Amino acid sequence: MRDDAGEDPVCKTRPHWIVFGWAVWLASLAAPFFSAANDVANPNDPQMWLGLARTFSVVATTATILA
């Protein structure tokens, strides 16, 4: 396979798996908030925990897409 400059590439590379570290870390932060939303006694409190969990989930998804 030749590239545009007429040179043959010696090897191809891919991103290291560690680039997904932020996404995995943020997703692991979202999990306890989802759990806390299920464990609260006051029915008005789950909205706060679900809001935090959704925020971390959206940020983790964005980090995954950017990685």
PDB file of N, CA and C in Angstrom:
ATOM      1  N   MET A   1       0.845  -1.173   0.000  1.00  0.00           N
ATOM      2  CA  MET A   1       0.000   0.000   0.000  1.00  0.00           C
ATOM      3  C   MET A   1       0.891   1.237   0.000  1.00  0.00           C
ATOM      4  N   ARG A   2       0.583   2.166  -0.865  1.00  0.00           N
ATOM      5  CA  ARG A   2       1.394   3.370  -0.996  1.00  0.00           C
ATOM      6  C   ARG A   2       0.587   4.571  -0.533  1.00  0.00           C
ATOM      7  N   ASP A   3       1.282   5.529   0.059  1.00  0.00           N
ATOM      8  CA  ASP A   3       0.586   6.755   0.452  1.00  0.00           C
ATOM      9  C   ASP A   3       0.701   7.795  -0.658  1.00  0.00           C
ATOM     10  N   ASP A   4       0.231   8.996  -0.411  1.00  0.00           N
ATOM     11  CA  ASP A   4       0.192  10.036  -1.432  1.00  0.00           C
ATOM     12  C   ASP A   4       1.572  10.504  -1.874  1.00  0.00           C
ATOM     13  N   ALA A   5       2.569  10.421  -1.031  1.00  0.00           N
ATOM     14  CA  ALA A   5       3.906  10.897  -1.364  1.00  0.00           C
ATOM     15  C   ALA A   5       4.708   9.850  -2.126  1.00  0.00           C
ATOM     16  N   GLY A   6       4.133   8.683  -2.381  1.00  0.00           N
ATOM     17  CA  GLY A   6       4.842   7.644  -3.097  1.00  0.00           C
ATOM     18  C   GLY A   6       5.757   6.820  -2.218  1.00  0.00           C
ATOM     19  N   GLU A   7       5.630   6.921  -0.923  1.00  0.00           N
ATOM     20  CA  GLU A   7       6.471   6.165  -0.011  1.00  0.00           C
ATOM     21  C   GLU A   7       5.692   4.985   0.537  1.00  0.00           C
ATOM     22  N   ASP A   8       6.390   3.903   0.799  1.00  0.00           N
ATOM     23  CA  ASP A   8       5.768   2.730   1.397  1.00  0.00           C
ATOM     24  C   ASP A   8       5.867   2.838   2.918  1.00  0.00           C
ATOM     25  N   PRO A   9       4.729   2.771   3.624  1.00  0.00           N
ATOM     26  CA  PRO A   9       4.798   2.818   5.087  1.00  0.00           C
ATOM     27  C   PRO A   9       5.441   1.554   5.647  1.00  0.00           C
ATOM     28  N   VAL A  10       6.283   1.718   6.652  1.00  0.00           N
ATOM     29  CA  VAL A  10       6.973   0.597   7.259  1.00  0.00           C
ATOM     30  C   VAL A  10       6.059  -0.117   8.256  1.00  0.00           C
ATOM     31  N   CYS A  11       5.326   0.649   9.038  1.00  0.00           N
ATOM     32  CA  CYS A  11       4.414   0.061  10.005  1.00  0.00           C
ATOM     33  C   CYS A  11       3.226   0.995  10.218  1.00  0.00           C
ATOM     34  N   LYS A  12       2.146   0.405  10.660  1.00  0.00           N
ATOM     35  CA  LYS A  12       0.966   1.187  11.000  1.00  0.00           C
ATOM     36  C   LYS A  12       0.796   1.168  12.506  1.00  0.00           C
ATOM     37  N   THR A  13       0.310   2.255  13.044  1.00  0.00           N
ATOM     38  CA  THR A  13       0.124   2.327  14.484  1.00  0.00           C
ATOM     39  C   THR A  13      -1.328   2.653  14.801  1.00  0.00           C
ATOM     40  N   ARG A  14      -1.703   2.335  16.022  1.00  0.00           N
ATOM     41  CA  ARG A  14      -3.029   2.666  16.531  1.00  0.00           C
ATOM     42  C   ARG A  14      -2.854   3.313  17.888  1.00  0.00           C
ATOM     43  N   PRO A  15      -3.865   4.061  18.344  1.00  0.00           N
ATOM     44  CA  PRO A  15      -3.738   4.667  19.673  1.00  0.00           C
ATOM     45  C   PRO A  15      -3.630   3.601  20.769  1.00  0.00           C
ATOM     46  N   HIS A  16      -2.867   3.902  21.769  1.00  0.00           N
ATOM     47  CA  HIS A  16      -2.717   3.012  22.911  1.00  0.00           C
ATOM     48  C   HIS A  16      -4.028   2.970  23.685  1.00  0.00           C
ATOM     49  N   TRP A  17      -4.306   1.858  24.361  1.00  0.00           N
ATOM     50  CA  TRP A  17      -5.564   1.707  25.091  1.00  0.00           C
ATOM     51  C   TRP A  17      -5.699   2.721  26.216  1.00  0.00           C
ATOM     52  N   ILE A  18      -4.598   3.282  26.677  1.00  0.00           N
ATOM     53  CA  ILE A  18      -4.633   4.210  27.799  1.00  0.00           C
ATOM     54  C   ILE A  18      -5.338   5.514  27.451  1.00  0.00           C
ATOM     55  N   VAL A  19      -5.511   5.819  26.158  1.00  0.00           N
ATOM     56  CA  VAL A  19      -6.210   7.053  25.790  1.00  0.00           C
ATOM     57  C   VAL A  19      -7.663   7.022  26.266  1.00  0.00           C
ATOM     58  N   PHE A  20      -8.177   5.833  26.552  1.00  0.00           N
ATOM     59  CA  PHE A  20      -9.532   5.709  27.070  1.00  0.00           C
ATOM     60  C   PHE A  20      -9.567   5.773  28.597  1.00  0.00           C
ATOM     61  N   GLY A  21      -8.452   6.044  29.230  1.00  0.00           N
ATOM     62  CA  GLY A  21      -8.382   6.090  30.688  1.00  0.00           C
ATOM     63  C   GLY A  21      -9.334   7.099  31.305  1.00  0.00           C
ATOM     64  N   TRP A  22      -9.403   8.305  30.739  1.00  0.00           N
ATOM     65  CA  TRP A  22     -10.314   9.312  31.275  1.00  0.00           C
ATOM     66  C   TRP A  22     -11.761   8.848  31.177  1.00  0.00           C
ATOM     67  N   ALA A  23     -12.121   8.256  30.047  1.00  0.00           N
ATOM     68  CA  ALA A  23     -13.498   7.798  29.865  1.00  0.00           C
ATOM     69  C   ALA A  23     -13.850   6.709  30.876  1.00  0.00           C
ATOM     70  N   VAL A  24     -12.945   5.789  31.093  1.00  0.00           N
ATOM     71  CA  VAL A  24     -13.193   4.707  32.054  1.00  0.00           C
ATOM     72  C   VAL A  24     -13.289   5.276  33.464  1.00  0.00           C
ATOM     73  N   TRP A  25     -12.416   6.204  33.797  1.00  0.00           N
ATOM     74  CA  TRP A  25     -12.442   6.813  35.120  1.00  0.00           C
ATOM     75  C   TRP A  25     -13.748   7.569  35.352  1.00  0.00           C
ATOM     76  N   LEU A  26     -14.196   8.346  34.372  1.00  0.00           N
ATOM     77  CA  LEU A  26     -15.439   9.096  34.523  1.00  0.00           C
ATOM     78  C   LEU A  26     -16.649   8.165  34.606  1.00  0.00           C
ATOM     79  N   ALA A  27     -16.636   7.090  33.837  1.00  0.00           N
ATOM     80  CA  ALA A  27     -17.737   6.131  33.912  1.00  0.00           C
ATOM     81  C   ALA A  27     -17.765   5.448  35.278  1.00  0.00           C
ATOM     82  N   SER A  28     -16.583   5.189  35.828  1.00  0.00           N
ATOM     83  CA  SER A  28     -16.547   4.576  37.159  1.00  0.00           C
ATOM     84  C   SER A  28     -17.037   5.546  38.234  1.00  0.00           C
ATOM     85  N   LEU A  29     -16.938   6.843  37.984  1.00  0.00           N
ATOM     86  CA  LEU A  29     -17.491   7.815  38.916  1.00  0.00           C
ATOM     87  C   LEU A  29     -19.017   7.884  38.808  1.00  0.00           C
ATOM     88  N   ALA A  30     -19.565   7.618  37.651  1.00  0.00           N
ATOM     89  CA  ALA A  30     -21.017   7.693  37.461  1.00  0.00           C
ATOM     90  C   ALA A  30     -21.730   6.542  38.161  1.00  0.00           C
ATOM     91  N   ALA A  31     -21.117   5.382  38.220  1.00  0.00           N
ATOM     92  CA  ALA A  31     -21.767   4.192  38.785  1.00  0.00           C
ATOM     93  C   ALA A  31     -22.224   4.377  40.237  1.00  0.00           C
ATOM     94  N   PRO A  32     -21.410   4.925  41.136  1.00  0.00           N
ATOM     95  CA  PRO A  32     -21.892   5.104  42.514  1.00  0.00           C
ATOM     96  C   PRO A  32     -23.068   6.074  42.617  1.00  0.00           C
ATOM     97  N   PHE A  33     -23.142   7.051  41.731  1.00  0.00           N
ATOM     98  CA  PHE A  33     -24.259   7.986  41.774  1.00  0.00           C
ATOM     99  C   PHE A  33     -25.560   7.309  41.352  1.00  0.00           C
ATOM    100  N   PHE A  34     -25.489   6.421  40.349  1.00  0.00           N
ATOM    101  CA  PHE A  34     -26.678   5.651  39.981  1.00  0.00           C
ATOM    102  C   PHE A  34     -27.104   4.757  41.144  1.00  0.00           C
ATOM    103  N   SER A  35     -26.140   4.171  41.818  1.00  0.00           N
ATOM    104  CA  SER A  35     -26.437   3.327  42.971  1.00  0.00           C
ATOM    105  C   SER A  35     -27.040   4.152  44.108  1.00  0.00           C
ATOM    106  N   ALA A  36     -26.493   5.337  44.346  1.00  0.00           N
ATOM    107  CA  ALA A  36     -27.012   6.200  45.411  1.00  0.00           C
ATOM    108  C   ALA A  36     -28.445   6.635  45.117  1.00  0.00           C
ATOM    109  N   ALA A  37     -28.767   6.837  43.856  1.00  0.00           N
ATOM    110  CA  ALA A  37     -30.125   7.240  43.502  1.00  0.00           C
ATOM    111  C   ALA A  37     -31.130   6.146  43.847  1.00  0.00           C
ATOM    112  N   ASN A  38     -30.702   4.898  43.803  1.00  0.00           N
ATOM    113  CA  ASN A  38     -31.589   3.789  44.155  1.00  0.00           C
ATOM    114  C   ASN A  38     -31.698   3.588  45.656  1.00  0.00           C
ATOM    115  N   ASP A  39     -30.719   4.049  46.416  1.00  0.00           N
ATOM    116  CA  ASP A  39     -30.659   3.776  47.854  1.00  0.00           C
ATOM    117  C   ASP A  39     -31.229   4.875  48.745  1.00  0.00           C
ATOM    118  N   VAL A  40     -31.552   6.022  48.182  1.00  0.00           N
ATOM    119  CA  VAL A  40     -31.997   7.118  49.048  1.00  0.00           C
ATOM    120  C   VAL A  40     -33.407   6.864  49.570  1.00  0.00           C
ATOM    121  N   ALA A  41     -33.683   7.368  50.782  1.00  0.00           N
ATOM    122  CA  ALA A  41     -34.988   7.151  51.410  1.00  0.00           C
ATOM    123  C   ALA A  41     -36.001   8.215  50.986  1.00  0.00           C
ATOM    124  N   ASN A  42     -35.534   9.430  50.778  1.00  0.00           N
ATOM    125  CA  ASN A  42     -36.425  10.532  50.409  1.00  0.00           C
ATOM    126  C   ASN A  42     -36.675  10.488  48.892  1.00  0.00           C
ATOM    127  N   PRO A  43     -37.929  10.456  48.450  1.00  0.00           N
ATOM    128  CA  PRO A  43     -38.204  10.350  47.017  1.00  0.00           C
ATOM    129  C   PRO A  43     -37.778  11.575  46.209  1.00  0.00           C
ATOM    130  N   ASN A  44     -37.522  12.703  46.857  1.00  0.00           N
ATOM    131  CA  ASN A  44     -37.079  13.892  46.122  1.00  0.00           C
ATOM    132  C   ASN A  44     -35.577  13.897  45.867  1.00  0.00           C
ATOM    133  N   ASP A  45     -34.820  13.162  46.664  1.00  0.00           N
ATOM    134  CA  ASP A  45     -33.366  13.151  46.532  1.00  0.00           C
ATOM    135  C   ASP A  45     -32.835  12.425  45.298  1.00  0.00           C
ATOM    136  N   PRO A  46     -33.496  11.398  44.765  1.00  0.00           N
ATOM    137  CA  PRO A  46     -32.896  10.705  43.628  1.00  0.00           C
ATOM    138  C   PRO A  46     -32.619  11.611  42.438  1.00  0.00           C
ATOM    139  N   GLN A  47     -33.381  12.690  42.305  1.00  0.00           N
ATOM    140  CA  GLN A  47     -33.156  13.576  41.159  1.00  0.00           C
ATOM    141  C   GLN A  47     -31.764  14.187  41.182  1.00  0.00           C
ATOM    142  N   MET A  48     -31.284  14.530  42.366  1.00  0.00           N
ATOM    143  CA  MET A  48     -29.938  15.086  42.475  1.00  0.00           C
ATOM    144  C   MET A  48     -28.896  14.040  42.078  1.00  0.00           C
ATOM    145  N   TRP A  49     -29.041  12.827  42.628  1.00  0.00           N
ATOM    146  CA  TRP A  49     -28.066  11.769  42.331  1.00  0.00           C
ATOM    147  C   TRP A  49     -28.131  11.353  40.864  1.00  0.00           C
ATOM    148  N   LEU A  50     -29.336  11.273  40.317  1.00  0.00           N
ATOM    149  CA  LEU A  50     -29.461  10.926  38.902  1.00  0.00           C
ATOM    150  C   LEU A  50     -28.890  12.027  38.015  1.00  0.00           C
ATOM    151  N   GLY A  51     -29.056  13.269  38.428  1.00  0.00           N
ATOM    152  CA  GLY A  51     -28.475  14.379  37.667  1.00  0.00           C
ATOM    153  C   GLY A  51     -26.961  14.306  37.632  1.00  0.00           C
ATOM    154  N   LEU A  52     -26.359  14.021  38.780  1.00  0.00           N
ATOM    155  CA  LEU A  52     -24.897  13.870  38.826  1.00  0.00           C
ATOM    156  C   LEU A  52     -24.435  12.669  37.998  1.00  0.00           C
ATOM    157  N   ALA A  53     -25.158  11.565  38.102  1.00  0.00           N
ATOM    158  CA  ALA A  53     -24.794  10.370  37.342  1.00  0.00           C
ATOM    159  C   ALA A  53     -24.914  10.623  35.845  1.00  0.00           C
ATOM    160  N   ARG A  54     -25.988  11.294  35.449  1.00  0.00           N
ATOM    161  CA  ARG A  54     -26.152  11.595  34.013  1.00  0.00           C
ATOM    162  C   ARG A  54     -25.052  12.524  33.521  1.00  0.00           C
ATOM    163  N   THR A  55     -24.670  13.492  34.339  1.00  0.00           N
ATOM    164  CA  THR A  55     -23.603  14.414  33.949  1.00  0.00           C
ATOM    165  C   THR A  55     -22.294  13.659  33.736  1.00  0.00           C
ATOM    166  N   PHE A  56     -21.926  12.803  34.693  1.00  0.00           N
ATOM    167  CA  PHE A  56     -20.702  12.016  34.532  1.00  0.00           C
ATOM    168  C   PHE A  56     -20.798  11.086  33.325  1.00  0.00           C
ATOM    169  N   SER A  57     -21.972  10.535  33.075  1.00  0.00           N
ATOM    170  CA  SER A  57     -22.143   9.634  31.936  1.00  0.00           C
ATOM    171  C   SER A  57     -21.970  10.372  30.613  1.00  0.00           C
ATOM    172  N   VAL A  58     -22.524  11.566  30.527  1.00  0.00           N
ATOM    173  CA  VAL A  58     -22.387  12.357  29.299  1.00  0.00           C
ATOM    174  C   VAL A  58     -20.943  12.756  29.078  1.00  0.00           C
ATOM    175  N   VAL A  59     -20.277  13.164  30.148  1.00  0.00           N
ATOM    176  CA  VAL A  59     -18.863  13.551  30.028  1.00  0.00           C
ATOM    177  C   VAL A  59     -17.999  12.342  29.665  1.00  0.00           C
ATOM    178  N   ALA A  60     -18.307  11.174  30.247  1.00  0.00           N
ATOM    179  CA  ALA A  60     -17.564   9.950  29.919  1.00  0.00           C
ATOM    180  C   ALA A  60     -17.790   9.557  28.470  1.00  0.00           C
ATOM    181  N   THR A  61     -19.011   9.680  27.990  1.00  0.00           N
ATOM    182  CA  THR A  61     -19.308   9.363  26.590  1.00  0.00           C
ATOM    183  C   THR A  61     -18.566  10.332  25.661  1.00  0.00           C
ATOM    184  N   THR A  62     -18.563  11.600  26.028  1.00  0.00           N
ATOM    185  CA  THR A  62     -17.830  12.584  25.220  1.00  0.00           C
ATOM    186  C   THR A  62     -16.331  12.287  25.210  1.00  0.00           C
ATOM    187  N   ALA A  63     -15.785  11.910  26.357  1.00  0.00           N
ATOM    188  CA  ALA A  63     -14.360  11.556  26.423  1.00  0.00           C
ATOM    189  C   ALA A  63     -14.064  10.333  25.565  1.00  0.00           C
ATOM    190  N   THR A  64     -14.996   9.378  25.532  1.00  0.00           N
ATOM    191  CA  THR A  64     -14.812   8.190  24.710  1.00  0.00           C
ATOM    192  C   THR A  64     -14.803   8.558  23.233  1.00  0.00           C
ATOM    193  N   ILE A  65     -15.719   9.407  22.840  1.00  0.00           N
ATOM    194  CA  ILE A  65     -15.791   9.816  21.428  1.00  0.00           C
ATOM    195  C   ILE A  65     -14.540  10.595  21.028  1.00  0.00           C
ATOM    196  N   LEU A  66     -14.083  11.475  21.898  1.00  0.00           N
ATOM    197  CA  LEU A  66     -12.883  12.255  21.593  1.00  0.00           C
ATOM    198  C   LEU A  66     -11.615  11.396  21.563  1.00  0.00           C
ATOM    199  N   ALA A  67     -11.596  10.360  22.369  1.00  0.00           N
ATOM    200  CA  ALA A  67     -10.410   9.488  22.388  1.00  0.00           C
ATOM    201  C   ALA A  67     -10.340   8.723  21.086  1.00  0.00           C
TER     202      ALA A  67
END
